[in-house]
C-alpha cells in the first residue's frame, strides 16, 4: 500500500482518455483554512461503517487454464505478481471460485458426475482431480503472493443425478434440486470445502447457488426458490457445516439487485438466518440499483453484504466503462454496505474465450493472448484504485460531497492510513476541497477521471464553525416490490416446471418435444393471422 507521509497526500490518477492509468501524481499537502471550491468534501473518521474483506474477481476454469497454458512460467509469475502483490501490483485480496464448471470452462463437469441413470448418494466417486491440474496451483501461488487473499466458492449446478429436469439434454442445464438429494448436496459442498482446504486453498465463504432465479439451457445452472434455499440451509447445509466444524460463511441470493425480496424472505426465517452470514448481489440489473443492498441491510442490519459478479464486454468504450464501473460497482456497492467487491473473469483471451455456453463477449480483468502477452483492461484499473490502497480490515468512514458530479467513498486502514476515492462523473473539470478535521487539501479532477488519495495520521480537531454534511441517504424507492407481470411469470414458470415431468412421463421425451413445437407453430400461425387481419383493415 502507498501512503502519504509527513503531512503529504499521495495521489493516483486514471483518466478516460488513458493518458493516466493508475499513475502517481505530484503529492499534495494539508493546509489549514483553505477556501471552499465547488466540490466540498467532508470526511468524518468518527462515523464508521462496514469492514472490508477484499476486492477481486473470479478464477474460473477458463481463467486458470489461460494463465497456465498461454503463459510461460516467468510470464505467469509476473502476471500473478501484478494482480496479487500488495507492494508490486494492485493487491487483489478476494477471489470467487466456481464449484465445478460455470459457463466459463473448457467443458461442463462437477466433482461427482455419473453415467446416465446412475446415482452416487454416498459420494464414493467424489474427486477434485480436475482442479489439481491448473486451478489449485494458481490459487496456491496467489495465496502465497498475498497471504490476505480470501476465497469465496459458488456452485453453478450440483451433479446431474441430484436434479429433476423436464427437458432433454445435459442434466447440468437448468432444473431443480431433488428433495431426496438435499442431504447429498449438502455433503457434496462439505466434501468440496474439505478437499480444497486439504489442497491449500481454504474456503472463507460459500454461496448456496449462483443466480438461483435463472436457468440456462446451454451451461450449468439451477433454479432455486427462496423457500427452497431457506429449507436447504436450515435443515441440511447449515447443520452439515457445523458437524464438519468448518468455519465457512454461508452467503445467500448471489444474483441481481432487482429482487431484494428473495434474500429478505430467507433472512425472515430465524432458523435459516442463524446459519447465514450475508447476501451477495450481481450487477446485471438495468437500471443499476446498488441501493437494493441497503434495503436488505435495513431489514437485517446484523447480516453482511457482498458484491460478487459483473462483467465488461469486449469492444466497449474505456472511458464510459471506467465511469460506470467505478460509480456503481466500486463506489456504489461499498457505499451500500458491500464488504467485498468481486468482478467476473480474472482473465480471458482477446475474443472472450474460452467459454462453453456463455453469451456475448465477456472481458477479463486482464487479457491473455495466444502469443503470451498480458494486457490490462479497464477492470484492472477500476479494481486497482480500490485494492491497491484499501487493505482487508479497513473500515468505511463517512465521505460527503456537496457536488452532484463527484462520487466519493473513503476508508480508514488498519495501519492508520486513510484512502479516499473520488470520481468526476460530470462533463467538466471540477475543483475539490477535501476537509480532514481542521485541515484540507485541494485538487482539480478532470471530467471522467478517478483519483485515489492516501495519507497517514489522524485528523486535527475541527473548529465549531466547520460545516457538517451527511452522506446522502438511499432514495425512498421500494425495490422490494416486484411488478405483477414478474410475479405472474415466475408463477407460470413454477407451474410448467411442476407439470412438465408428469406430461413427459405420459408422452415420453419425443412426445413432449412434439407438444412444445406444435404449440409454438400454432402460436406463430395465430400471430400471422392476427397480423394479416390488422393489415387488411
Protein backbone atom coordinates (compact mmCIF):
# COMPACT_ATOMS: atom_id res chain seq x y z
CA UNK A 1 0.00 0.00 0.00
CA UNK A 2 1.23 3.51 -0.86
CA UNK A 3 0.61 6.27 1.66
CA UNK A 4 1.10 9.97 2.03
CA UNK A 5 3.74 10.72 4.68
CA UNK A 6 4.88 13.79 6.64
CA UNK A 7 1.64 15.66 6.01
CA UNK A 8 1.63 14.78 2.32
CA UNK A 9 -1.23 13.31 0.35
CA UNK A 10 -0.32 10.75 -2.31
CA UNK A 11 -2.45 10.93 -5.48
CA UNK A 12 -3.06 8.19 -8.06
CA UNK A 13 -5.00 9.06 -11.22
CA UNK A 14 -6.77 7.29 -14.10
CA UNK A 15 -8.46 9.22 -16.92
CA UNK A 16 -10.90 8.11 -19.59
CA UNK A 17 -8.52 9.03 -22.42
CA UNK A 18 -5.87 6.68 -20.91
CA UNK A 19 -3.26 9.43 -20.57
CA UNK A 20 -3.04 8.40 -16.91
CA UNK A 21 -3.54 4.78 -15.88
CA UNK A 22 -3.31 4.34 -12.12
CA UNK A 23 -0.42 6.79 -12.31
CA UNK A 24 1.12 8.66 -9.35
CA UNK A 25 0.74 12.44 -9.42
CA UNK A 26 2.68 15.16 -7.57
CA UNK A 27 1.84 14.91 -3.86
CA UNK A 28 -0.44 17.40 -2.14
CA UNK A 29 -0.27 18.87 1.35
CA UNK A 30 -2.84 19.51 4.03
CA UNK A 31 -3.27 23.16 4.90
CA UNK A 32 -5.48 24.92 7.45
CA UNK A 33 -8.22 27.33 6.43
CA UNK A 34 -8.49 26.59 2.71
CA UNK A 35 -11.38 28.32 0.94
CA UNK A 36 -14.21 26.26 -0.44
CA UNK A 37 -14.40 25.12 -4.04
CA UNK A 38 -17.44 23.75 -5.92
CA UNK A 39 -16.91 20.23 -4.56
CA UNK A 40 -16.68 20.49 -0.80
CA UNK A 41 -15.92 17.03 0.62
CA UNK A 42 -16.13 16.35 4.35
CA UNK A 43 -14.58 13.22 5.86
CA UNK A 44 -15.62 12.05 9.32
CA UNK A 45 -13.47 9.30 10.83
CA UNK A 46 -15.81 9.02 13.83
CA UNK A 47 -18.64 7.68 11.64
CA UNK A 48 -17.57 4.12 10.92
CA UNK A 49 -19.36 1.53 8.81
CA UNK A 50 -18.58 -1.93 7.38
CA UNK A 51 -15.16 -3.57 7.41
CA UNK A 52 -13.63 -4.50 4.06
CA UNK A 53 -12.78 -8.11 3.25
CA UNK A 54 -11.33 -7.55 -0.21
CA UNK A 55 -11.54 -6.68 -3.89
CA UNK A 56 -11.02 -9.10 -6.75
CA UNK A 57 -12.50 -11.27 -9.49
CA UNK A 58 -13.40 -14.88 -10.31
CA UNK A 59 -10.80 -17.53 -11.02
CA UNK A 60 -12.93 -19.53 -13.44
CA UNK A 61 -11.78 -22.71 -15.15
CA UNK A 62 -11.17 -20.59 -18.26
CA UNK A 63 -9.06 -18.00 -16.44
CA UNK A 64 -6.88 -20.58 -14.70
CA UNK A 65 -6.40 -22.55 -17.94
CA UNK A 66 -5.30 -19.46 -19.85
CA UNK A 67 -2.83 -18.37 -17.18
CA UNK A 68 -1.37 -21.87 -17.13
CA UNK A 69 -1.42 -22.71 -20.85
CA UNK A 70 -0.73 -19.44 -22.68
CA UNK A 71 1.99 -18.09 -20.39
CA UNK A 72 5.49 -19.29 -19.69
CA UNK A 73 6.30 -19.84 -16.01
CA UNK A 74 8.11 -16.48 -15.85
CA UNK A 75 5.30 -14.62 -17.60
CA UNK A 76 2.71 -16.29 -15.37
CA UNK A 77 4.64 -15.27 -12.25
CA UNK A 78 4.83 -11.67 -13.48
CA UNK A 79 1.09 -11.66 -14.18
CA UNK A 80 0.24 -13.06 -10.74
CA UNK A 81 2.57 -10.58 -9.04
CA UNK A 82 0.91 -7.74 -10.94
CA UNK A 83 -2.53 -8.91 -9.88
CA UNK A 84 -1.99 -10.04 -6.28
CA UNK A 85 1.13 -8.43 -4.82
CA UNK A 86 0.22 -5.76 -2.23
CA UNK A 87 3.50 -3.97 -2.93
CA UNK A 88 4.40 -4.61 -6.58
CA UNK A 89 0.89 -4.97 -8.03
CA UNK A 90 -2.71 -3.98 -7.30
CA UNK A 91 -3.02 -6.39 -4.37
CA UNK A 92 -6.23 -8.22 -5.25
CA UNK A 93 -7.40 -9.75 -1.98
CA UNK A 94 -10.56 -11.69 -2.89
CA UNK A 95 -11.28 -14.45 -5.41
CA UNK A 96 -14.52 -16.19 -6.31
CA UNK A 97 -14.12 -19.82 -7.37
CA UNK A 98 -16.85 -21.84 -9.15
CA UNK A 99 -17.63 -25.21 -7.56
CA UNK A 100 -17.31 -27.31 -10.69
CA UNK A 101 -17.88 -25.76 -14.09
CA UNK A 102 -19.50 -22.44 -14.87
CA UNK A 103 -20.24 -21.08 -18.35
CA UNK A 104 -16.55 -20.14 -18.50
CA UNK A 105 -14.97 -23.56 -18.61
CA UNK A 106 -13.41 -25.81 -21.23
CA UNK A 107 -16.10 -28.41 -20.54
CA UNK A 108 -19.03 -28.81 -18.20
CA UNK A 109 -18.37 -31.01 -15.18
CA UNK A 110 -18.99 -31.47 -11.47
CA UNK A 111 -16.96 -33.38 -8.90
CA UNK A 112 -19.26 -36.41 -8.95
CA UNK A 113 -20.54 -36.97 -12.49
CA UNK A 114 -22.19 -40.33 -13.12
CA UNK A 115 -23.33 -42.18 -16.28
CA UNK A 116 -26.98 -41.64 -17.26
CA UNK A 117 -29.33 -43.45 -14.93
CA UNK A 118 -26.73 -43.94 -12.18
CA UNK A 119 -26.53 -42.16 -8.84
CA UNK A 120 -23.93 -41.80 -6.08
CA UNK A 121 -25.69 -40.72 -2.86
CA UNK A 122 -22.71 -41.79 -0.75
CA UNK A 123 -20.35 -39.64 -2.89
CA UNK A 124 -17.97 -42.55 -3.41
CA UNK A 125 -16.83 -41.09 -6.74
CA UNK A 126 -16.31 -37.54 -5.48
CA UNK A 127 -12.99 -36.06 -6.68
CA UNK A 128 -11.44 -32.62 -7.29
CA UNK A 129 -8.72 -34.14 -9.51
CA UNK A 130 -9.78 -31.84 -12.37
CA UNK A 131 -8.88 -28.75 -10.33
CA UNK A 132 -5.44 -30.07 -9.36
CA UNK A 133 -4.22 -29.66 -12.95
CA UNK A 134 -4.33 -25.85 -13.18
CA UNK A 135 -6.90 -24.23 -10.86
CA UNK A 136 -5.43 -25.13 -7.46
CA UNK A 137 -1.82 -24.36 -8.47
CA UNK A 138 -2.90 -20.81 -9.40
CA UNK A 139 -4.83 -20.45 -6.14
CA UNK A 140 -1.90 -21.64 -4.04
CA UNK A 141 0.51 -19.26 -5.77
CA UNK A 142 -1.90 -16.31 -5.45
CA UNK A 143 -2.28 -17.01 -1.72
CA UNK A 144 1.49 -17.18 -1.34
CA UNK A 145 1.85 -13.77 -3.02
CA UNK A 146 -0.95 -12.22 -0.95
CA UNK A 147 -1.48 -14.05 2.37
CA UNK A 148 -4.61 -11.93 3.00
CA UNK A 149 -6.36 -13.40 -0.06
CA UNK A 150 -9.80 -14.84 0.73
CA UNK A 151 -11.76 -17.35 -1.36
CA UNK A 152 -15.49 -17.48 -1.95
CA UNK A 153 -16.90 -20.58 -3.65
CA UNK A 154 -20.12 -20.66 -5.73
CA UNK A 155 -21.87 -23.63 -7.37
CA UNK A 156 -23.49 -23.30 -10.79
CA UNK A 157 -25.05 -26.76 -10.61
CA UNK A 158 -24.98 -29.88 -8.46
CA UNK A 159 -24.23 -33.19 -10.17
CA UNK A 160 -26.93 -34.02 -12.71
CA UNK A 161 -28.17 -37.07 -10.81
CA UNK A 162 -29.21 -34.77 -7.93
CA UNK A 163 -31.61 -32.76 -10.11
CA UNK A 164 -35.08 -33.05 -11.57
CA UNK A 165 -35.46 -31.66 -15.07
CA UNK A 166 -38.24 -31.55 -17.64
CA UNK A 167 -36.31 -31.01 -20.88
CA UNK A 168 -33.92 -33.46 -22.54
CA UNK A 169 -30.23 -32.60 -22.82
CA UNK A 170 -27.34 -32.08 -20.44
CA UNK A 171 -28.60 -32.70 -16.88
CA UNK A 172 -26.43 -29.83 -15.59
CA UNK A 173 -28.51 -27.28 -17.52
CA UNK A 174 -31.46 -25.87 -15.59
CA UNK A 175 -33.81 -27.90 -13.43
CA UNK A 176 -34.16 -28.01 -9.65
CA UNK A 177 -32.58 -29.88 -6.76
CA UNK A 178 -34.44 -33.10 -5.93
CA UNK A 179 -35.83 -33.06 -2.42
CA UNK A 180 -34.39 -36.50 -1.72
CA UNK A 181 -30.94 -35.10 -2.62
CA UNK A 182 -30.87 -32.12 -0.24
CA UNK A 183 -28.71 -34.06 2.21
CA UNK A 184 -26.44 -35.45 -0.52
CA UNK A 185 -25.89 -31.96 -1.93
CA UNK A 186 -25.03 -30.55 1.50
CA UNK A 187 -22.47 -33.31 1.98
CA UNK A 188 -21.15 -32.65 -1.55
CA UNK A 189 -20.46 -28.99 -0.66
CA UNK A 190 -18.84 -30.02 2.61
CA UNK A 191 -16.66 -32.52 0.73
CA UNK A 192 -15.59 -29.75 -1.66
CA UNK A 193 -14.66 -27.40 1.19
CA UNK A 194 -12.67 -30.10 2.95
CA UNK A 195 -10.85 -31.10 -0.24
CA UNK A 196 -9.92 -27.50 -1.06
CA UNK A 197 -8.65 -26.89 2.47
CA UNK A 198 -6.52 -30.02 2.27
CA UNK A 199 -5.19 -28.80 -1.09
CA UNK A 200 -4.00 -25.48 0.37
CA UNK A 201 -6.97 -23.33 -0.69
CA UNK A 202 -9.29 -22.95 2.32
CA UNK A 203 -12.73 -21.51 1.58
CA UNK A 204 -13.85 -18.48 3.60
CA UNK A 205 -17.39 -18.13 2.23
CA UNK A 206 -19.83 -20.26 0.27
CA UNK A 207 -22.82 -19.09 -1.75
CA UNK A 208 -25.67 -21.58 -1.97
CA UNK A 209 -26.41 -21.22 -5.70
CA UNK A 210 -25.19 -18.90 -8.43
CA UNK A 211 -28.11 -16.91 -9.88
CA UNK A 212 -30.92 -19.08 -8.47
CA UNK A 213 -33.61 -17.06 -10.27
CA UNK A 214 -32.34 -18.06 -13.73
CA UNK A 215 -31.89 -21.32 -15.63
CA UNK A 216 -29.87 -21.73 -18.82
CA UNK A 217 -30.26 -24.41 -21.47
CA UNK A 218 -26.62 -24.04 -22.55
CA UNK A 219 -24.49 -24.07 -19.38
CA UNK A 220 -24.65 -25.35 -15.77
CA UNK A 221 -27.42 -23.66 -13.82
CA UNK A 222 -30.25 -24.40 -11.44
CA UNK A 223 -33.33 -22.57 -10.24
CA UNK A 224 -33.95 -22.43 -6.50
CA UNK A 225 -36.84 -20.58 -4.88
CA UNK A 226 -36.31 -18.60 -1.68
CA UNK A 227 -38.29 -21.13 0.37
CA UNK A 228 -36.21 -23.98 -1.11
CA UNK A 229 -32.94 -22.19 -0.33
CA UNK A 230 -34.12 -21.44 3.22
CA UNK A 231 -35.05 -25.09 3.80
CA UNK A 232 -31.77 -26.33 2.31
CA UNK A 233 -29.76 -24.04 4.61
CA UNK A 234 -31.91 -24.62 7.68
CA UNK A 235 -32.19 -28.39 7.54
CA UNK A 236 -29.10 -29.50 5.63
CA UNK A 237 -26.22 -27.18 4.69
CA UNK A 238 -26.00 -25.25 7.95
CA UNK A 239 -26.04 -28.33 10.17
CA UNK A 240 -23.62 -30.18 7.81
CA UNK A 241 -21.03 -27.41 8.01
CA UNK A 242 -21.46 -27.26 11.79
CA UNK A 243 -20.98 -31.03 12.15
CA UNK A 244 -17.86 -30.84 9.98
CA UNK A 245 -16.56 -27.99 12.19
CA UNK A 246 -15.92 -25.86 9.11
CA UNK A 247 -15.86 -22.13 9.83
CA UNK A 248 -17.32 -21.10 6.47
CA UNK A 249 -19.75 -18.24 5.91
CA UNK A 250 -23.00 -19.12 4.11
CA UNK A 251 -23.99 -16.40 1.65
CA UNK A 252 -27.46 -16.29 0.06
CA UNK A 253 -29.02 -14.98 -3.18
CA UNK A 254 -25.87 -14.39 -5.34
CA UNK A 255 -27.99 -12.75 -8.03
CA UNK A 256 -29.10 -9.34 -9.30
CA UNK A 257 -30.08 -6.15 -7.48
CA UNK A 258 -33.64 -6.31 -8.84
CA UNK A 259 -35.05 -8.86 -6.37
CA UNK A 260 -34.13 -7.96 -2.76
CA UNK A 261 -37.32 -9.73 -1.62
CA UNK A 262 -35.57 -13.09 -2.13
CA UNK A 263 -32.81 -12.67 0.50
CA UNK A 264 -35.16 -10.84 2.85
CA UNK A 265 -37.55 -13.81 2.72
CA UNK A 266 -34.74 -16.19 3.70
CA UNK A 267 -33.48 -13.93 6.49
CA UNK A 268 -37.03 -13.62 7.82
CA UNK A 269 -36.81 -17.34 8.66
CA UNK A 270 -34.94 -17.28 12.01
CA UNK A 271 -33.91 -20.93 11.82
CA UNK A 272 -32.30 -20.38 8.41
CA UNK A 273 -30.89 -16.97 9.34
CA UNK A 274 -28.85 -18.39 12.20
CA UNK A 275 -26.60 -20.05 9.61
CA UNK A 276 -26.47 -17.13 7.14
CA UNK A 277 -23.63 -14.59 7.21
CA UNK A 278 -24.81 -12.30 4.42
CA UNK A 279 -26.29 -11.63 1.00
CA UNK A 280 -24.44 -11.44 -2.34
CA UNK A 281 -25.53 -9.35 -5.33
CA UNK A 282 -24.73 -9.21 -9.05
CA UNK A 283 -24.75 -6.06 -11.16
CA UNK A 284 -26.79 -7.09 -14.21
CA UNK A 285 -29.91 -5.10 -13.27
CA UNK A 286 -30.91 -2.24 -15.55
CA UNK A 287 -31.07 0.43 -14.39
CA UNK A 288 -28.31 -0.43 -11.89
CA UNK A 289 -29.61 -0.31 -8.33
CA UNK A 290 -26.93 -0.88 -5.68
CA UNK A 291 -29.31 0.78 -3.23
CA UNK A 292 -31.12 -2.58 -3.14
CA UNK A 293 -28.27 -3.71 -0.90
CA UNK A 294 -29.28 -1.09 1.65
CA UNK A 295 -32.87 -2.36 1.63
CA UNK A 296 -31.70 -5.84 2.66
CA UNK A 297 -29.29 -4.31 5.13
CA UNK A 298 -32.02 -2.16 6.67
CA UNK A 299 -34.28 -5.21 7.06
CA UNK A 300 -31.48 -7.28 8.63
CA UNK A 301 -28.65 -4.97 9.79
CA UNK A 302 -26.91 -7.81 11.61
CA UNK A 303 -26.03 -9.57 8.33
CA UNK A 304 -23.38 -8.58 5.77
CA UNK A 305 -23.48 -7.57 2.11
CA UNK A 306 -21.21 -8.78 -0.71
CA UNK A 307 -20.99 -7.87 -4.38
CA UNK A 308 -19.92 -10.92 -6.36
CA UNK A 309 -20.27 -10.51 -10.13
CA UNK A 310 -20.41 -8.15 -13.09
CA UNK A 311 -18.51 -8.18 -16.39
CA UNK A 312 -17.45 -5.77 -19.09
CA UNK A 313 -17.83 -6.55 -22.78
CA UNK A 314 -15.14 -6.64 -25.46
CA UNK A 315 -15.16 -3.55 -27.66
CA UNK A 316 -17.00 -1.24 -25.26
CA UNK A 317 -15.69 2.25 -24.56
CA UNK A 318 -12.91 2.54 -21.93
CA UNK A 319 -13.98 5.97 -20.68
CA UNK A 320 -17.64 5.01 -20.33
CA UNK A 321 -16.84 1.72 -18.60
CA UNK A 322 -14.42 3.46 -16.23
CA UNK A 323 -17.15 5.81 -15.05
CA UNK A 324 -19.91 3.21 -14.90
CA UNK A 325 -17.91 0.55 -13.05
CA UNK A 326 -16.49 2.97 -10.50
CA UNK A 327 -19.81 4.68 -9.86
CA UNK A 328 -21.90 1.54 -9.46
CA UNK A 329 -19.60 -1.45 -8.88
CA UNK A 330 -16.99 0.04 -6.52
CA UNK A 331 -18.24 3.30 -5.02
CA UNK A 332 -21.94 2.41 -5.21
CA UNK A 333 -21.64 -1.09 -3.78
CA UNK A 334 -19.37 -0.10 -0.90
CA UNK A 335 -21.47 2.94 0.00
CA UNK A 336 -24.36 0.49 0.27
CA UNK A 337 -22.57 -1.86 2.62
CA UNK A 338 -20.55 -4.29 0.47
CA UNK A 339 -17.66 -5.89 2.35
CA UNK A 340 -16.18 -7.34 -0.85
CA UNK A 341 -16.36 -6.28 -4.49
CA UNK A 342 -15.74 -9.10 -6.97
CA UNK A 343 -15.90 -8.81 -10.77
CA UNK A 344 -16.28 -11.73 -13.19
CA UNK A 345 -13.40 -13.49 -15.03
CA UNK A 346 -9.90 -12.72 -13.81
CA UNK A 347 -8.53 -13.50 -17.29
CA UNK A 348 -9.88 -14.23 -20.78
CA UNK A 349 -8.34 -14.12 -24.24
CA UNK A 350 -8.84 -11.31 -26.77
CA UNK A 351 -12.05 -12.94 -28.05
CA UNK A 352 -13.63 -13.54 -24.63
CA UNK A 353 -12.73 -17.23 -24.74
CA UNK A 354 -12.63 -19.97 -23.69
CA UNK A 355 -16.25 -20.43 -22.74
CA UNK A 356 -18.93 -23.04 -23.22
CA UNK A 357 -22.46 -21.76 -23.40
CA UNK A 358 -21.86 -18.16 -22.30
CA UNK A 359 -23.49 -15.36 -24.23
CA UNK A 360 -21.76 -12.25 -25.56
CA UNK A 361 -18.08 -11.44 -25.44
CA UNK A 362 -17.18 -11.03 -21.80
CA UNK A 363 -13.92 -9.33 -20.90
CA UNK A 364 -11.46 -10.36 -18.21
CA UNK A 365 -9.65 -8.15 -15.72
CA UNK A 366 -6.67 -8.92 -17.94
CA UNK A 367 -6.49 -10.31 -21.45
CA UNK A 368 -4.10 -13.21 -22.04
CA UNK A 369 -3.28 -13.61 -25.73
CA UNK A 370 -2.19 -16.76 -27.55
CA UNK A 371 1.29 -15.31 -28.06
CA UNK A 372 1.78 -15.00 -24.31
CA UNK A 373 1.07 -11.31 -23.74
CA UNK A 374 -0.94 -9.95 -20.81
CA UNK A 375 -2.97 -6.79 -21.40
CA UNK A 376 -4.60 -4.78 -18.62
CA UNK A 377 -8.26 -3.90 -19.17
CA UNK A 378 -10.36 -1.17 -17.59
CA UNK A 379 -11.37 -3.65 -14.86
CA UNK A 380 -7.73 -3.81 -13.77
CA UNK A 381 -7.65 -0.07 -13.08
CA UNK A 382 -11.14 0.01 -11.57
CA UNK A 383 -10.17 -2.66 -9.05
CA UNK A 384 -6.67 -1.25 -8.60
CA UNK A 385 -7.95 2.12 -7.43
CA UNK A 386 -9.52 0.24 -4.51
CA UNK A 387 -7.47 -2.91 -3.88
CA UNK A 388 -4.07 -1.21 -4.01
CA UNK A 389 -4.95 1.29 -1.29
CA UNK A 390 -7.77 -0.26 0.78
CA UNK A 391 -6.48 -3.16 2.88
CA UNK A 392 -8.52 -6.05 4.26
CA UNK A 393 -9.86 -4.93 7.61
CA UNK A 394 -10.25 -1.28 6.56
CA UNK A 395 -13.41 0.42 7.82
CA UNK A 396 -15.53 2.68 5.67
CA UNK A 397 -15.85 6.22 7.03
CA UNK A 398 -18.29 8.98 6.11
CA UNK A 399 -17.37 10.93 2.97
CA UNK A 400 -19.95 13.52 2.00
CA UNK A 401 -19.78 15.72 -1.11
CA UNK A 402 -21.78 18.84 -1.90
CA UNK A 403 -21.26 18.31 -5.64
CA UNK A 404 -23.62 16.07 -7.61
CA UNK A 405 -20.89 15.27 -10.13
CA UNK A 406 -18.33 13.97 -7.60
CA UNK A 407 -18.86 10.43 -6.29
CA UNK A 408 -16.80 9.53 -3.22
CA UNK A 409 -16.08 6.73 -0.79
CA UNK A 410 -13.42 6.63 1.94
CA UNK A 411 -11.80 4.03 4.19
CA UNK A 412 -9.54 4.03 7.24
CA UNK A 413 -6.96 1.24 7.06
CA UNK A 414 -5.69 -0.88 9.97
CA UNK A 415 -2.21 0.72 9.65
CA UNK A 416 -3.62 4.21 10.24
CA UNK A 417 -3.70 5.37 6.61
CA UNK A 418 -6.82 6.83 5.01
CA UNK A 419 -7.85 6.24 1.39
CA UNK A 420 -10.36 8.43 -0.46
CA UNK A 421 -11.67 7.56 -3.93
CA UNK A 422 -13.21 10.37 -5.97
CA UNK A 423 -14.85 10.04 -9.40
CA UNK A 424 -15.75 13.07 -11.51
CA UNK A 425 -18.88 11.73 -13.19
CA UNK A 426 -19.66 15.06 -14.81
CA UNK A 427 -18.84 16.55 -18.20
CA UNK A 428 -16.50 19.30 -17.00
CA UNK A 429 -13.44 19.52 -14.73
CA UNK A 430 -14.18 20.05 -11.05
CA UNK A 431 -12.09 21.61 -8.30
CA UNK A 432 -12.39 19.91 -4.91
CA UNK A 433 -11.57 20.86 -1.36
CA UNK A 434 -11.26 17.79 0.84
CA UNK A 435 -11.64 18.52 4.57
CA UNK A 436 -9.97 16.27 7.13
CA UNK A 437 -10.68 17.73 10.54
CA UNK A 438 -9.25 21.26 10.74
CA UNK A 439 -7.14 20.83 7.60
CA UNK A 440 -7.86 20.43 3.91
CA UNK A 441 -6.27 19.92 0.52
CA UNK A 442 -7.39 21.00 -2.95
CA UNK A 443 -7.33 19.11 -6.22
CA UNK A 444 -8.71 19.64 -9.73
CA UNK A 445 -10.20 16.43 -11.17
CA UNK A 446 -10.90 16.32 -14.89
CA UNK A 447 -14.19 15.08 -16.31
CA UNK A 448 -14.45 11.29 -16.24
CA UNK A 449 -11.31 10.94 -14.12
CA UNK A 450 -10.87 8.98 -10.92
CA UNK A 451 -8.30 9.66 -8.22
CA UNK A 452 -7.37 7.79 -5.08
CA UNK A 453 -5.83 9.91 -2.32
CA UNK A 454 -3.96 8.37 0.61
CA UNK A 455 -2.38 9.87 3.72
CA UNK A 456 -1.16 8.89 7.17
CA UNK A 457 -2.39 10.02 10.57
CA UNK A 458 -5.45 11.18 12.46
CA UNK A 459 -7.33 14.43 11.79
CA UNK A 460 -6.76 17.58 13.83
CA UNK A 461 -9.95 18.59 15.71
CA UNK A 462 -12.08 20.92 13.61
CA UNK A 463 -13.41 24.24 14.89
CA UNK A 464 -17.04 24.55 15.81
CA UNK A 465 -17.56 26.73 12.72
CA UNK A 466 -16.76 23.84 10.37
CA UNK A 467 -19.93 22.91 8.43
CA UNK A 468 -21.02 19.30 8.65
CA UNK A 469 -22.56 17.33 5.83
CA UNK A 470 -24.15 13.90 5.92
CA UNK A 471 -23.79 11.23 3.29
CA UNK A 472 -26.91 11.14 1.12
CA UNK A 473 -29.45 8.51 2.11
CA UNK A 474 -30.71 5.92 -0.40
CA UNK A 475 -33.68 7.18 -2.41
CA UNK A 476 -37.04 6.13 -0.93
CA UNK A 477 -37.68 3.64 -3.72
CA UNK A 478 -39.43 0.44 -2.67
CA UNK A 479 -37.28 -2.01 -4.59
CA UNK A 480 -38.75 -4.86 -2.57
CA UNK A 481 -41.98 -4.58 -4.57
CA UNK A 482 -41.98 -6.97 -7.52
CA UNK A 483 -44.06 -5.94 -10.59
CA UNK A 484 -47.21 -8.04 -11.11
CA UNK A 485 -46.04 -9.28 -14.50
CA UNK A 486 -42.83 -10.59 -12.94
CA UNK A 487 -44.76 -12.40 -10.22
CA UNK A 488 -47.10 -13.97 -12.80
CA UNK A 489 -44.15 -15.02 -14.96
CA UNK A 490 -42.42 -16.71 -12.04
CA UNK A 491 -45.65 -18.45 -11.01
CA UNK A 492 -46.21 -19.74 -14.54
CA UNK A 493 -42.61 -20.93 -14.71
CA UNK A 494 -43.05 -22.85 -11.47
CA UNK A 495 -46.28 -24.44 -12.72
CA UNK A 496 -44.69 -25.51 -16.00
CA UNK A 497 -41.72 -26.99 -14.16
CA UNK A 498 -44.09 -28.86 -11.89
CA UNK A 499 -46.40 -30.23 -14.61
CA UNK A 500 -43.83 -30.97 -17.30
CA UNK A 501 -42.36 -34.08 -15.62
CA UNK A 502 -45.87 -35.60 -15.41
CA UNK A 503 -46.55 -34.81 -19.08
CA UNK A 504 -43.13 -36.13 -20.08
CA UNK A 505 -43.73 -39.40 -18.24
CA UNK A 506 -47.06 -39.85 -20.05
CA UNK A 507 -45.90 -38.77 -23.51
CA UNK A 508 -42.17 -39.51 -23.35
CA UNK A 509 -39.48 -37.02 -24.29
CA UNK A 510 -40.33 -37.24 -28.00
CA UNK A 511 -43.99 -36.58 -27.28
CA UNK A 512 -43.12 -33.62 -25.06
CA UNK A 513 -40.93 -32.10 -27.77
CA UNK A 514 -43.72 -32.61 -30.33
CA UNK A 515 -46.19 -30.90 -28.00
CA UNK A 516 -43.90 -27.90 -27.44
CA UNK A 517 -43.03 -27.49 -31.12
CA UNK A 518 -46.70 -27.86 -32.10
CA UNK A 519 -47.71 -25.20 -29.61
CA UNK A 520 -45.09 -22.82 -30.98
CA UNK A 521 -46.27 -23.41 -34.56
CA UNK A 522 -49.90 -22.79 -33.58
CA UNK A 523 -48.90 -19.58 -31.79
CA UNK A 524 -46.97 -18.44 -34.86
CA UNK A 525 -49.93 -19.19 -37.15
CA UNK A 526 -52.23 -17.27 -34.85
CA UNK A 527 -49.86 -14.30 -34.77
CA UNK A 528 -49.59 -14.20 -38.57
CA UNK A 529 -53.40 -14.46 -38.91
CA UNK A 530 -53.97 -11.56 -36.48
CA UNK A 531 -51.26 -9.51 -38.20
CA UNK A 532 -52.84 -10.15 -41.61
CA UNK A 533 -56.23 -9.12 -40.25
CA UNK A 534 -54.79 -5.81 -38.97
CA UNK A 535 -53.10 -5.14 -42.32
CA UNK A 536 -56.36 -5.77 -44.28
CA UNK A 537 -58.24 -3.39 -42.03
